[in-house]
Amino acid sequence: KKSAGGWWGITAPVSRVSPLRLAGMVPMVGLAYWPLLLWLPLLGLQTLTSMYMGRNSQHAARALTKIFVDTPLCYFLKIIWVVMLVLCCDCLRTALRNPGSSGDDRSFQSSIAYEIAAAKEGALVLALNLVVMPAVFVIHTLTGETAKLDRDLQMVKKQAESAGQFTKQLLADNKKDATGGVPPETEMPSAKTAKLASATDGDSETRKRE
């Protein structure tokens, strides 16, 4: 076995890859794929309903994501997220390690390369989980806020319409009251009636003189 010198010249074996750790890396990476079967469809559904569908579809998608966001299950999912963060950091540390010198035997180098490849895969899968889970939570919260704002806007519109109708009715009632207390105006005689009146007055004067 290859050895390295210590402080007092005592030789110690170079660290090898732990068989238990190497055997447990692949199942850990395989378990990280299962949550994606849940989060990726939910994220796709939220994206489609937010961009291309109406409020009813958004409410339906929000009712589905509410099971994971607005229930006690959310606390369990947060714990899982923290565990995935720790595992992702461990995989990243393993993926960035030195693959070993060229003097090592082939079995050792192959095991190191296999572990590094599994660590890279695990880091990518866990990082994808770490990104998708908060994205689902954030979109759920934002769709709830937009639905609330839309509902408030509709209420304000209804209040404005009712206030406008009440104002029109009040103005019409005031106009009726104002016109009801004033006597009707007398019409001014036209030019034809004035001429006829002057002509009749002239005829009556001439008759009196005669």
N, C-alpha and C. Protein backbone atom coordinates (compact mmCIF):
# COMPACT_ATOMS: atom_id res chain seq x y z
N LYS A 1 0.84 -1.19 0.00
CA LYS A 1 0.00 0.00 0.00
C LYS A 1 0.87 1.24 0.00
N LYS A 2 0.40 2.28 -0.61
CA LYS A 2 1.14 3.53 -0.64
C LYS A 2 1.03 4.20 0.71
N SER A 3 2.13 4.78 1.18
CA SER A 3 2.15 5.40 2.50
C SER A 3 2.77 6.76 2.41
N ALA A 4 2.54 7.57 3.46
CA ALA A 4 3.09 8.92 3.52
C ALA A 4 3.73 9.10 4.88
N GLY A 5 4.79 9.87 4.96
CA GLY A 5 5.51 10.07 6.20
C GLY A 5 4.82 11.06 7.09
N GLY A 6 4.88 10.82 8.41
CA GLY A 6 4.30 11.74 9.37
C GLY A 6 5.38 12.60 10.00
N TRP A 7 5.03 13.17 11.16
CA TRP A 7 5.98 14.03 11.85
C TRP A 7 7.21 13.25 12.32
N TRP A 8 7.02 12.02 12.79
CA TRP A 8 8.10 11.26 13.38
C TRP A 8 8.58 10.16 12.45
N GLY A 9 8.28 10.30 11.15
CA GLY A 9 8.73 9.30 10.20
C GLY A 9 7.89 8.05 10.21
N ILE A 10 6.76 8.07 10.91
CA ILE A 10 5.88 6.91 10.95
C ILE A 10 5.02 6.93 9.71
N THR A 11 4.96 5.86 9.01
CA THR A 11 4.19 5.79 7.78
C THR A 11 2.74 5.51 8.09
N ALA A 12 1.85 6.11 7.28
CA ALA A 12 0.40 5.92 7.45
C ALA A 12 -0.19 5.70 6.08
N PRO A 13 -1.18 4.86 5.94
CA PRO A 13 -1.78 4.58 4.63
C PRO A 13 -2.57 5.77 4.13
N VAL A 14 -2.51 5.97 2.83
CA VAL A 14 -3.28 7.04 2.18
C VAL A 14 -4.75 6.68 2.23
N SER A 15 -5.60 7.69 2.45
CA SER A 15 -7.05 7.43 2.58
C SER A 15 -7.63 6.93 1.28
N ARG A 16 -8.42 5.92 1.39
CA ARG A 16 -9.12 5.35 0.25
C ARG A 16 -10.61 5.71 0.33
N VAL A 17 -11.31 5.51 -0.75
CA VAL A 17 -12.73 5.78 -0.78
C VAL A 17 -13.45 4.75 0.07
N SER A 18 -14.33 5.24 0.93
CA SER A 18 -15.08 4.33 1.79
C SER A 18 -16.09 3.56 0.95
N PRO A 19 -16.09 2.22 1.03
CA PRO A 19 -17.06 1.44 0.24
C PRO A 19 -18.50 1.74 0.63
N LEU A 20 -18.74 2.01 1.93
CA LEU A 20 -20.10 2.32 2.35
C LEU A 20 -20.56 3.65 1.78
N ARG A 21 -19.64 4.62 1.78
CA ARG A 21 -20.01 5.92 1.23
C ARG A 21 -20.22 5.84 -0.28
N LEU A 22 -19.37 5.09 -0.94
CA LEU A 22 -19.51 4.94 -2.39
C LEU A 22 -20.79 4.20 -2.74
N ALA A 23 -21.16 3.21 -1.93
CA ALA A 23 -22.39 2.47 -2.21
C ALA A 23 -23.63 3.28 -1.86
N GLY A 24 -23.49 4.21 -0.90
CA GLY A 24 -24.66 5.01 -0.52
C GLY A 24 -24.86 6.24 -1.35
N MET A 25 -23.88 6.59 -2.21
CA MET A 25 -24.01 7.79 -3.01
C MET A 25 -25.08 7.64 -4.08
N VAL A 26 -25.12 6.50 -4.74
CA VAL A 26 -26.08 6.29 -5.81
C VAL A 26 -27.52 6.23 -5.31
N PRO A 27 -27.85 5.50 -4.23
CA PRO A 27 -29.23 5.56 -3.72
C PRO A 27 -29.65 6.96 -3.28
N MET A 28 -28.70 7.75 -2.72
CA MET A 28 -29.04 9.10 -2.33
C MET A 28 -29.42 9.95 -3.55
N VAL A 29 -28.65 9.80 -4.63
CA VAL A 29 -28.96 10.52 -5.86
C VAL A 29 -30.29 10.04 -6.44
N GLY A 30 -30.56 8.74 -6.36
CA GLY A 30 -31.84 8.23 -6.87
C GLY A 30 -33.03 8.75 -6.08
N LEU A 31 -32.86 8.90 -4.76
CA LEU A 31 -33.96 9.44 -3.95
C LEU A 31 -34.23 10.91 -4.25
N ALA A 32 -33.22 11.62 -4.70
CA ALA A 32 -33.41 13.04 -5.01
C ALA A 32 -34.25 13.26 -6.25
N TYR A 33 -34.41 12.23 -7.09
CA TYR A 33 -35.23 12.38 -8.30
C TYR A 33 -36.72 12.33 -7.99
N TRP A 34 -37.13 11.64 -6.94
CA TRP A 34 -38.55 11.46 -6.68
C TRP A 34 -39.28 12.75 -6.36
N PRO A 35 -38.73 13.66 -5.56
CA PRO A 35 -39.46 14.92 -5.34
C PRO A 35 -39.68 15.73 -6.60
N LEU A 36 -38.79 15.58 -7.59
CA LEU A 36 -38.97 16.33 -8.83
C LEU A 36 -40.21 15.88 -9.59
N LEU A 37 -40.62 14.63 -9.41
CA LEU A 37 -41.86 14.16 -10.04
C LEU A 37 -43.08 14.89 -9.50
N LEU A 38 -42.96 15.51 -8.35
CA LEU A 38 -44.05 16.30 -7.78
C LEU A 38 -43.91 17.78 -8.08
N TRP A 39 -42.68 18.32 -7.89
CA TRP A 39 -42.50 19.76 -7.98
C TRP A 39 -42.49 20.27 -9.42
N LEU A 40 -41.90 19.53 -10.34
CA LEU A 40 -41.86 20.01 -11.72
C LEU A 40 -43.24 20.09 -12.37
N PRO A 41 -44.13 19.07 -12.23
CA PRO A 41 -45.49 19.26 -12.76
C PRO A 41 -46.26 20.40 -12.11
N LEU A 42 -46.08 20.58 -10.80
CA LEU A 42 -46.75 21.70 -10.13
C LEU A 42 -46.25 23.04 -10.65
N LEU A 43 -44.95 23.15 -10.84
CA LEU A 43 -44.39 24.39 -11.38
C LEU A 43 -44.85 24.64 -12.81
N GLY A 44 -44.91 23.59 -13.63
CA GLY A 44 -45.42 23.74 -14.98
C GLY A 44 -46.88 24.14 -15.01
N LEU A 45 -47.68 23.57 -14.12
CA LEU A 45 -49.10 23.93 -14.04
C LEU A 45 -49.27 25.38 -13.63
N GLN A 46 -48.50 25.82 -12.65
CA GLN A 46 -48.58 27.21 -12.22
C GLN A 46 -48.16 28.17 -13.33
N THR A 47 -47.13 27.79 -14.07
CA THR A 47 -46.67 28.65 -15.16
C THR A 47 -47.71 28.77 -16.27
N LEU A 48 -48.32 27.65 -16.65
CA LEU A 48 -49.34 27.68 -17.71
C LEU A 48 -50.56 28.48 -17.29
N THR A 49 -51.04 28.26 -16.07
CA THR A 49 -52.23 28.97 -15.62
C THR A 49 -51.97 30.46 -15.42
N SER A 50 -50.75 30.82 -15.05
CA SER A 50 -50.44 32.24 -14.82
C SER A 50 -50.25 33.00 -16.12
N MET A 51 -49.76 32.33 -17.16
CA MET A 51 -49.43 33.03 -18.40
C MET A 51 -50.52 32.93 -19.47
N TYR A 52 -51.21 31.79 -19.55
CA TYR A 52 -52.10 31.56 -20.68
C TYR A 52 -53.56 31.31 -20.30
N MET A 53 -53.88 31.20 -19.03
CA MET A 53 -55.25 30.88 -18.62
C MET A 53 -55.81 31.97 -17.72
N GLY A 54 -57.08 31.83 -17.39
CA GLY A 54 -57.76 32.86 -16.63
C GLY A 54 -57.69 32.63 -15.14
N ARG A 55 -58.52 33.42 -14.45
CA ARG A 55 -58.53 33.38 -12.99
C ARG A 55 -59.06 32.05 -12.46
N ASN A 56 -60.00 31.47 -13.16
CA ASN A 56 -60.56 30.19 -12.68
C ASN A 56 -59.50 29.09 -12.67
N SER A 57 -58.70 29.05 -13.73
CA SER A 57 -57.63 28.05 -13.78
C SER A 57 -56.58 28.31 -12.71
N GLN A 58 -56.29 29.58 -12.46
CA GLN A 58 -55.33 29.92 -11.41
C GLN A 58 -55.85 29.51 -10.04
N HIS A 59 -57.15 29.69 -9.81
CA HIS A 59 -57.73 29.26 -8.54
C HIS A 59 -57.65 27.74 -8.39
N ALA A 60 -57.87 27.02 -9.50
CA ALA A 60 -57.78 25.56 -9.43
C ALA A 60 -56.36 25.10 -9.12
N ALA A 61 -55.37 25.72 -9.79
CA ALA A 61 -53.98 25.37 -9.51
C ALA A 61 -53.57 25.76 -8.10
N ARG A 62 -54.08 26.87 -7.63
CA ARG A 62 -53.75 27.31 -6.27
C ARG A 62 -54.38 26.40 -5.23
N ALA A 63 -55.56 25.87 -5.53
CA ALA A 63 -56.18 24.92 -4.61
C ALA A 63 -55.36 23.64 -4.49
N LEU A 64 -54.67 23.27 -5.58
CA LEU A 64 -53.82 22.08 -5.54
C LEU A 64 -52.53 22.33 -4.77
N THR A 65 -51.91 23.47 -5.02
CA THR A 65 -50.66 23.79 -4.31
C THR A 65 -50.90 24.19 -2.85
N LYS A 66 -52.12 24.52 -2.53
CA LYS A 66 -52.44 24.89 -1.14
C LYS A 66 -52.19 23.73 -0.19
N ILE A 67 -52.31 22.51 -0.67
CA ILE A 67 -52.07 21.33 0.17
C ILE A 67 -50.64 21.31 0.70
N PHE A 68 -49.70 21.81 -0.11
CA PHE A 68 -48.29 21.76 0.27
C PHE A 68 -47.79 23.07 0.87
N VAL A 69 -48.56 24.14 0.78
CA VAL A 69 -48.09 25.45 1.22
C VAL A 69 -48.82 25.93 2.46
N ASP A 70 -50.13 25.80 2.50
CA ASP A 70 -50.94 26.36 3.58
C ASP A 70 -51.40 25.33 4.60
N THR A 71 -50.74 24.20 4.67
CA THR A 71 -51.09 23.15 5.62
C THR A 71 -49.86 22.83 6.48
N PRO A 72 -50.02 22.09 7.57
CA PRO A 72 -48.85 21.69 8.36
C PRO A 72 -47.81 20.88 7.59
N LEU A 73 -48.18 20.35 6.43
CA LEU A 73 -47.20 19.65 5.61
C LEU A 73 -46.07 20.57 5.17
N CYS A 74 -46.33 21.87 5.17
CA CYS A 74 -45.31 22.83 4.75
C CYS A 74 -44.08 22.77 5.67
N TYR A 75 -44.28 22.58 6.97
CA TYR A 75 -43.15 22.52 7.90
C TYR A 75 -42.27 21.29 7.62
N PHE A 76 -42.91 20.18 7.30
CA PHE A 76 -42.15 18.97 6.96
C PHE A 76 -41.35 19.18 5.68
N LEU A 77 -41.94 19.86 4.70
CA LEU A 77 -41.24 20.12 3.45
C LEU A 77 -40.07 21.08 3.66
N LYS A 78 -40.22 22.01 4.59
CA LYS A 78 -39.09 22.91 4.89
C LYS A 78 -37.92 22.14 5.50
N ILE A 79 -38.24 21.17 6.36
CA ILE A 79 -37.17 20.34 6.94
C ILE A 79 -36.47 19.54 5.84
N ILE A 80 -37.26 19.00 4.91
CA ILE A 80 -36.67 18.26 3.79
C ILE A 80 -35.79 19.17 2.95
N TRP A 81 -36.20 20.42 2.78
CA TRP A 81 -35.40 21.37 2.00
C TRP A 81 -34.05 21.62 2.68
N VAL A 82 -34.05 21.75 3.99
CA VAL A 82 -32.80 21.97 4.72
C VAL A 82 -31.89 20.74 4.59
N VAL A 83 -32.48 19.55 4.68
CA VAL A 83 -31.69 18.32 4.53
C VAL A 83 -31.09 18.25 3.13
N MET A 84 -31.86 18.62 2.13
CA MET A 84 -31.34 18.63 0.76
C MET A 84 -30.23 19.65 0.59
N LEU A 85 -30.33 20.77 1.29
CA LEU A 85 -29.27 21.76 1.21
C LEU A 85 -27.96 21.22 1.78
N VAL A 86 -28.04 20.52 2.91
CA VAL A 86 -26.84 19.93 3.50
C VAL A 86 -26.25 18.86 2.58
N LEU A 87 -27.11 18.01 2.01
CA LEU A 87 -26.61 16.97 1.10
C LEU A 87 -26.02 17.58 -0.16
N CYS A 88 -26.61 18.67 -0.63
CA CYS A 88 -26.07 19.32 -1.83
C CYS A 88 -24.68 19.90 -1.54
N CYS A 89 -24.50 20.48 -0.38
CA CYS A 89 -23.18 20.99 -0.02
C CYS A 89 -22.16 19.86 0.09
N ASP A 90 -22.58 18.72 0.65
CA ASP A 90 -21.67 17.59 0.75
C ASP A 90 -21.31 17.04 -0.63
N CYS A 91 -22.30 16.96 -1.51
CA CYS A 91 -22.02 16.49 -2.88
C CYS A 91 -21.11 17.46 -3.61
N LEU A 92 -21.32 18.75 -3.38
CA LEU A 92 -20.46 19.74 -4.03
C LEU A 92 -19.02 19.64 -3.51
N ARG A 93 -18.87 19.39 -2.23
CA ARG A 93 -17.52 19.22 -1.68
C ARG A 93 -16.84 17.98 -2.27
N THR A 94 -17.61 16.91 -2.43
CA THR A 94 -17.03 15.69 -3.01
C THR A 94 -16.72 15.87 -4.49
N ALA A 95 -17.57 16.63 -5.18
CA ALA A 95 -17.35 16.82 -6.62
C ALA A 95 -16.13 17.68 -6.90
N LEU A 96 -15.74 18.53 -5.96
CA LEU A 96 -14.61 19.42 -6.18
C LEU A 96 -13.30 18.86 -5.62
N ARG A 97 -13.30 17.62 -5.19
CA ARG A 97 -12.09 17.03 -4.62
C ARG A 97 -11.10 16.66 -5.71
N ASN A 98 -9.88 16.42 -5.31
CA ASN A 98 -8.82 16.04 -6.25
C ASN A 98 -9.02 14.59 -6.69
N PRO A 99 -9.03 14.30 -7.98
CA PRO A 99 -9.26 12.91 -8.42
C PRO A 99 -8.12 11.96 -8.08
N GLY A 100 -7.00 12.44 -7.59
CA GLY A 100 -5.90 11.55 -7.23
C GLY A 100 -4.74 11.66 -8.21
N SER A 101 -3.60 11.18 -7.80
CA SER A 101 -2.40 11.23 -8.64
C SER A 101 -2.40 10.07 -9.64
N SER A 102 -1.53 10.22 -10.61
CA SER A 102 -1.45 9.19 -11.66
C SER A 102 -0.76 7.92 -11.16
N GLY A 103 -0.11 7.99 -9.99
CA GLY A 103 0.57 6.81 -9.49
C GLY A 103 -0.34 5.82 -8.79
N ASP A 104 -1.58 6.20 -8.53
CA ASP A 104 -2.50 5.28 -7.87
C ASP A 104 -2.92 4.17 -8.83
N ASP A 105 -3.39 3.09 -8.26
CA ASP A 105 -3.83 1.99 -9.10
C ASP A 105 -5.13 2.33 -9.81
N ARG A 106 -5.45 1.54 -10.83
CA ARG A 106 -6.62 1.85 -11.68
C ARG A 106 -7.94 1.69 -10.92
N SER A 107 -8.03 0.72 -10.05
CA SER A 107 -9.28 0.52 -9.31
C SER A 107 -9.56 1.71 -8.39
N PHE A 108 -8.50 2.23 -7.78
CA PHE A 108 -8.68 3.39 -6.91
C PHE A 108 -9.09 4.62 -7.72
N GLN A 109 -8.45 4.84 -8.87
CA GLN A 109 -8.80 5.98 -9.71
C GLN A 109 -10.22 5.86 -10.26
N SER A 110 -10.61 4.65 -10.64
CA SER A 110 -11.97 4.47 -11.17
C SER A 110 -13.01 4.70 -10.08
N SER A 111 -12.71 4.24 -8.86
CA SER A 111 -13.66 4.46 -7.77
C SER A 111 -13.77 5.94 -7.43
N ILE A 112 -12.63 6.65 -7.46
CA ILE A 112 -12.65 8.09 -7.22
C ILE A 112 -13.45 8.81 -8.31
N ALA A 113 -13.22 8.44 -9.57
CA ALA A 113 -13.95 9.07 -10.67
C ALA A 113 -15.44 8.80 -10.58
N TYR A 114 -15.78 7.56 -10.19
CA TYR A 114 -17.20 7.21 -10.05
C TYR A 114 -17.84 8.02 -8.93
N GLU A 115 -17.14 8.19 -7.83
CA GLU A 115 -17.69 8.97 -6.72
C GLU A 115 -17.86 10.43 -7.10
N ILE A 116 -16.90 10.98 -7.81
CA ILE A 116 -16.99 12.37 -8.22
C ILE A 116 -18.16 12.57 -9.19
N ALA A 117 -18.33 11.62 -10.14
CA ALA A 117 -19.45 11.72 -11.08
C ALA A 117 -20.79 11.62 -10.36
N ALA A 118 -20.89 10.70 -9.39
CA ALA A 118 -22.14 10.57 -8.63
C ALA A 118 -22.39 11.82 -7.78
N ALA A 119 -21.32 12.41 -7.25
CA ALA A 119 -21.48 13.63 -6.46
C ALA A 119 -21.95 14.80 -7.32
N LYS A 120 -21.40 14.90 -8.53
CA LYS A 120 -21.86 15.96 -9.44
C LYS A 120 -23.33 15.79 -9.80
N GLU A 121 -23.72 14.56 -10.09
CA GLU A 121 -25.12 14.30 -10.41
C GLU A 121 -26.02 14.62 -9.22
N GLY A 122 -25.60 14.20 -8.03
CA GLY A 122 -26.39 14.48 -6.84
C GLY A 122 -26.48 15.97 -6.56
N ALA A 123 -25.38 16.71 -6.76
CA ALA A 123 -25.41 18.15 -6.53
C ALA A 123 -26.37 18.84 -7.49
N LEU A 124 -26.38 18.42 -8.76
CA LEU A 124 -27.28 19.02 -9.73
C LEU A 124 -28.75 18.73 -9.41
N VAL A 125 -29.03 17.47 -9.08
CA VAL A 125 -30.42 17.09 -8.79
C VAL A 125 -30.91 17.78 -7.51
N LEU A 126 -30.08 17.80 -6.49
CA LEU A 126 -30.48 18.45 -5.24
C LEU A 126 -30.61 19.95 -5.42
N ALA A 127 -29.71 20.56 -6.23
CA ALA A 127 -29.84 21.99 -6.50
C ALA A 127 -31.13 22.30 -7.24
N LEU A 128 -31.52 21.42 -8.16
CA LEU A 128 -32.78 21.62 -8.86
C LEU A 128 -33.97 21.55 -7.89
N ASN A 129 -33.92 20.62 -6.94
CA ASN A 129 -34.96 20.56 -5.91
C ASN A 129 -34.97 21.82 -5.06
N LEU A 130 -33.78 22.30 -4.72
CA LEU A 130 -33.69 23.50 -3.88
C LEU A 130 -34.23 24.74 -4.58
N VAL A 131 -34.19 24.76 -5.90
CA VAL A 131 -34.71 25.91 -6.65
C VAL A 131 -36.21 25.78 -6.91
N VAL A 132 -36.66 24.58 -7.27
CA VAL A 132 -38.05 24.40 -7.68
C VAL A 132 -39.01 24.52 -6.49
N MET A 133 -38.63 23.98 -5.34
CA MET A 133 -39.53 24.04 -4.18
C MET A 133 -39.86 25.46 -3.77
N PRO A 134 -38.88 26.36 -3.57
CA PRO A 134 -39.25 27.75 -3.26
C PRO A 134 -40.00 28.45 -4.38
N ALA A 135 -39.72 28.07 -5.63
CA ALA A 135 -40.44 28.68 -6.75
C ALA A 135 -41.93 28.37 -6.68
N VAL A 136 -42.28 27.13 -6.36
CA VAL A 136 -43.69 26.77 -6.21
C VAL A 136 -44.33 27.55 -5.07
N PHE A 137 -43.62 27.69 -3.97
CA PHE A 137 -44.15 28.43 -2.82
C PHE A 137 -44.36 29.91 -3.18
N VAL A 138 -43.39 30.49 -3.88
CA VAL A 138 -43.48 31.92 -4.21
C VAL A 138 -44.61 32.18 -5.20
N ILE A 139 -44.75 31.34 -6.22
CA ILE A 139 -45.82 31.53 -7.20
C ILE A 139 -47.18 31.36 -6.54
N HIS A 140 -47.29 30.42 -5.61
CA HIS A 140 -48.55 30.24 -4.87
C HIS A 140 -48.90 31.51 -4.10
N THR A 141 -47.94 32.10 -3.44
CA THR A 141 -48.20 33.32 -2.66
C THR A 141 -48.54 34.49 -3.57
N LEU A 142 -47.83 34.63 -4.69
CA LEU A 142 -48.08 35.75 -5.60
C LEU A 142 -49.45 35.64 -6.28
N THR A 143 -49.85 34.43 -6.66
CA THR A 143 -51.18 34.27 -7.25
C THR A 143 -52.28 34.59 -6.24
N GLY A 144 -52.05 34.26 -4.97
CA GLY A 144 -53.01 34.63 -3.93
C GLY A 144 -53.11 36.14 -3.77
N GLU A 145 -51.96 36.82 -3.82
CA GLU A 145 -51.99 38.28 -3.70
C GLU A 145 -52.67 38.93 -4.90
N THR A 146 -52.38 38.43 -6.10
CA THR A 146 -53.03 39.00 -7.29
C THR A 146 -54.54 38.75 -7.29
N ALA A 147 -54.95 37.57 -6.81
CA ALA A 147 -56.38 37.30 -6.72
C ALA A 147 -57.05 38.24 -5.73
N LYS A 148 -56.38 38.52 -4.62
CA LYS A 148 -56.93 39.44 -3.64
C LYS A 148 -57.01 40.86 -4.20
N LEU A 149 -55.98 41.29 -4.92
CA LEU A 149 -56.01 42.62 -5.54
C LEU A 149 -57.10 42.71 -6.61
N ASP A 150 -57.28 41.65 -7.38
CA ASP A 150 -58.34 41.64 -8.39
C ASP A 150 -59.71 41.72 -7.75
N ARG A 151 -59.90 41.01 -6.65
CA ARG A 151 -61.17 41.06 -5.94
C ARG A 151 -61.43 42.46 -5.36
N ASP A 152 -60.40 43.08 -4.82
CA ASP A 152 -60.56 44.45 -4.31
C ASP A 152 -60.86 45.43 -5.43
N LEU A 153 -60.23 45.24 -6.59
CA LEU A 153 -60.49 46.11 -7.73
C LEU A 153 -61.93 45.99 -8.21
N GLN A 154 -62.44 44.77 -8.26
CA GLN A 154 -63.84 44.59 -8.66
C GLN A 154 -64.79 45.25 -7.66
N MET A 155 -64.47 45.16 -6.38
CA MET A 155 -65.31 45.81 -5.38
C MET A 155 -65.28 47.33 -5.52
N VAL A 156 -64.09 47.88 -5.80
CA VAL A 156 -63.99 49.33 -6.00
C VAL A 156 -64.77 49.77 -7.23
N LYS A 157 -64.72 48.98 -8.30
CA LYS A 157 -65.49 49.31 -9.50
C LYS A 157 -66.99 49.31 -9.22
N LYS A 158 -67.46 48.30 -8.49
CA LYS A 158 -68.89 48.25 -8.16
C LYS A 158 -69.29 49.43 -7.29
N GLN A 159 -68.45 49.80 -6.33
CA GLN A 159 -68.75 50.94 -5.49
C GLN A 159 -68.77 52.23 -6.29
N ALA A 160 -67.84 52.37 -7.25
CA ALA A 160 -67.81 53.57 -8.09
C ALA A 160 -69.04 53.64 -8.98
N GLU A 161 -69.48 52.51 -9.53
CA GLU A 161 -70.67 52.50 -10.38
C GLU A 161 -71.92 52.85 -9.56
N SER A 162 -72.03 52.28 -8.37
CA SER A 162 -73.20 52.60 -7.53
C SER A 162 -73.18 54.05 -7.10
N ALA A 163 -71.98 54.59 -6.80
CA ALA A 163 -71.88 56.00 -6.43
C ALA A 163 -72.24 56.90 -7.60
N GLY A 164 -71.84 56.52 -8.82
CA GLY A 164 -72.20 57.31 -10.00
C GLY A 164 -73.70 57.30 -10.25
N GLN A 165 -74.33 56.14 -10.13
CA GLN A 165 -75.78 56.09 -10.31
C GLN A 165 -76.52 56.88 -9.23
N PHE A 166 -76.04 56.83 -8.01
CA PHE A 166 -76.66 57.60 -6.93
C PHE A 166 -76.52 59.10 -7.18
N THR A 167 -75.36 59.52 -7.71
CA THR A 167 -75.15 60.94 -8.01
C THR A 167 -76.06 61.41 -9.13
N LYS A 168 -76.21 60.60 -10.17
CA LYS A 168 -77.12 60.96 -11.27
C LYS A 168 -78.55 61.09 -10.78
N GLN A 169 -78.97 60.14 -9.96
CA GLN A 169 -80.32 60.20 -9.44
C GLN A 169 -80.52 61.41 -8.55
N LEU A 170 -79.52 61.75 -7.75
CA LEU A 170 -79.62 62.92 -6.87
C LEU A 170 -79.68 64.20 -7.68
N LEU A 171 -78.88 64.31 -8.75
CA LEU A 171 -78.93 65.50 -9.60
C LEU A 171 -80.28 65.61 -10.31
N ALA A 172 -80.82 64.49 -10.75
CA ALA A 172 -82.14 64.53 -11.41
C ALA A 172 -83.22 64.97 -10.43
N ASP A 173 -83.17 64.51 -9.19
CA ASP A 173 -84.15 64.93 -8.19
C ASP A 173 -84.01 66.40 -7.86
N ASN A 174 -82.80 66.90 -7.76
CA ASN A 174 -82.59 68.33 -7.49
C ASN A 174 -83.08 69.20 -8.64
N LYS A 175 -82.90 68.70 -9.86
CA LYS A 175 -83.37 69.46 -11.02
C LYS A 175 -84.89 69.53 -11.04
N LYS A 176 -85.54 68.43 -10.68
CA LYS A 176 -87.01 68.45 -10.62
C LYS A 176 -87.52 69.39 -9.55
N ASP A 177 -86.86 69.38 -8.39
CA ASP A 177 -87.26 70.29 -7.32
C ASP A 177 -87.04 71.74 -7.70
N ALA A 178 -85.95 72.04 -8.43
CA ALA A 178 -85.67 73.42 -8.83
C ALA A 178 -86.67 73.92 -9.87
N THR A 179 -87.04 73.07 -10.78
CA THR A 179 -88.00 73.49 -11.80
C THR A 179 -89.43 73.49 -11.28
N GLY A 180 -89.71 72.76 -10.23
CA GLY A 180 -91.08 72.70 -9.71
C GLY A 180 -91.49 73.95 -8.97
N GLY A 181 -90.60 74.68 -8.31
CA GLY A 181 -90.95 75.87 -7.53
C GLY A 181 -90.96 77.15 -8.33
N VAL A 182 -90.50 77.20 -9.54
CA VAL A 182 -90.42 78.41 -10.37
C VAL A 182 -91.62 78.44 -11.30
N PRO A 183 -92.34 79.62 -11.38
CA PRO A 183 -93.49 79.70 -12.32
C PRO A 183 -93.01 79.63 -13.75
N PRO A 184 -93.83 79.12 -14.63
CA PRO A 184 -93.42 79.00 -16.03
C PRO A 184 -93.24 80.36 -16.68
N GLU A 185 -92.28 80.48 -17.53
CA GLU A 185 -91.98 81.73 -18.21
C GLU A 185 -93.00 81.97 -19.33
N THR A 186 -93.40 83.28 -19.47
CA THR A 186 -94.32 83.65 -20.56
C THR A 186 -93.52 83.82 -21.84
N GLU A 187 -94.09 83.36 -22.93
CA GLU A 187 -93.41 83.45 -24.20
C GLU A 187 -93.53 84.85 -24.76
N MET A 188 -92.47 85.34 -25.33
CA MET A 188 -92.46 86.66 -25.96
C MET A 188 -93.20 86.58 -27.29
N PRO A 189 -93.99 87.61 -27.61
CA PRO A 189 -94.71 87.60 -28.90
C PRO A 189 -93.74 87.71 -30.05
N SER A 190 -94.07 87.04 -31.11
CA SER A 190 -93.20 87.07 -32.28
C SER A 190 -93.47 88.32 -33.12
N ALA A 191 -92.73 88.51 -34.19
CA ALA A 191 -92.86 89.70 -35.04
C ALA A 191 -94.19 89.72 -35.77
N LYS A 192 -94.65 88.55 -36.19
CA LYS A 192 -95.92 88.50 -36.92
C LYS A 192 -97.08 88.88 -36.02
N THR A 193 -97.04 88.36 -34.80
CA THR A 193 -98.14 88.71 -33.88
C THR A 193 -98.09 90.17 -33.51
N ALA A 194 -96.86 90.75 -33.43
CA ALA A 194 -96.74 92.18 -33.12
C ALA A 194 -97.31 93.03 -34.25
N LYS A 195 -97.05 92.65 -35.50
CA LYS A 195 -97.58 93.40 -36.64
C LYS A 195 -99.11 93.31 -36.69
N LEU A 196 -99.62 92.10 -36.44
CA LEU A 196 -101.07 91.94 -36.46
C LEU A 196 -101.72 92.78 -35.36
N ALA A 197 -101.06 92.81 -34.19
CA ALA A 197 -101.61 93.60 -33.09
C ALA A 197 -101.59 95.09 -33.42
N SER A 198 -100.51 95.56 -34.05
CA SER A 198 -100.44 96.98 -34.42
C SER A 198 -101.46 97.31 -35.51
N ALA A 199 -101.66 96.35 -36.43
CA ALA A 199 -102.63 96.58 -37.50
C ALA A 199 -104.04 96.65 -36.94
N THR A 200 -104.34 95.78 -36.04
CA THR A 200 -105.69 95.81 -35.43
C THR A 200 -105.88 97.05 -34.60
N ASP A 201 -104.82 97.53 -33.95
CA ASP A 201 -104.93 98.77 -33.18
C ASP A 201 -105.16 99.96 -34.11
N GLY A 202 -104.48 99.96 -35.27
CA GLY A 202 -104.67 101.07 -36.23
C GLY A 202 -106.07 101.07 -36.81
N ASP A 203 -106.61 99.91 -37.12
CA ASP A 203 -107.97 99.84 -37.67
C ASP A 203 -108.99 100.31 -36.64
N SER A 204 -108.74 99.94 -35.40
CA SER A 204 -109.70 100.36 -34.36
C SER A 204 -109.66 101.86 -34.16
N GLU A 205 -108.51 102.50 -34.28
CA GLU A 205 -108.41 103.94 -34.13
C GLU A 205 -109.10 104.68 -35.28
N THR A 206 -108.93 104.16 -36.49
CA THR A 206 -109.55 104.80 -37.66
C THR A 206 -111.08 104.70 -37.58
N ARG A 207 -111.55 103.60 -37.07
CA ARG A 207 -112.98 103.42 -36.93
C ARG A 207 -113.54 104.39 -35.90
N LYS A 208 -112.81 104.60 -34.86
CA LYS A 208 -113.28 105.55 -33.83
C LYS A 208 -113.34 106.96 -34.38
N ARG A 209 -112.38 107.34 -35.19
CA ARG A 209 -112.37 108.69 -35.76
C ARG A 209 -113.56 108.88 -36.69
N GLU A 210 -113.87 107.84 -37.43
CA GLU A 210 -115.00 107.98 -38.34
C GLU A 210 -116.31 108.11 -37.56
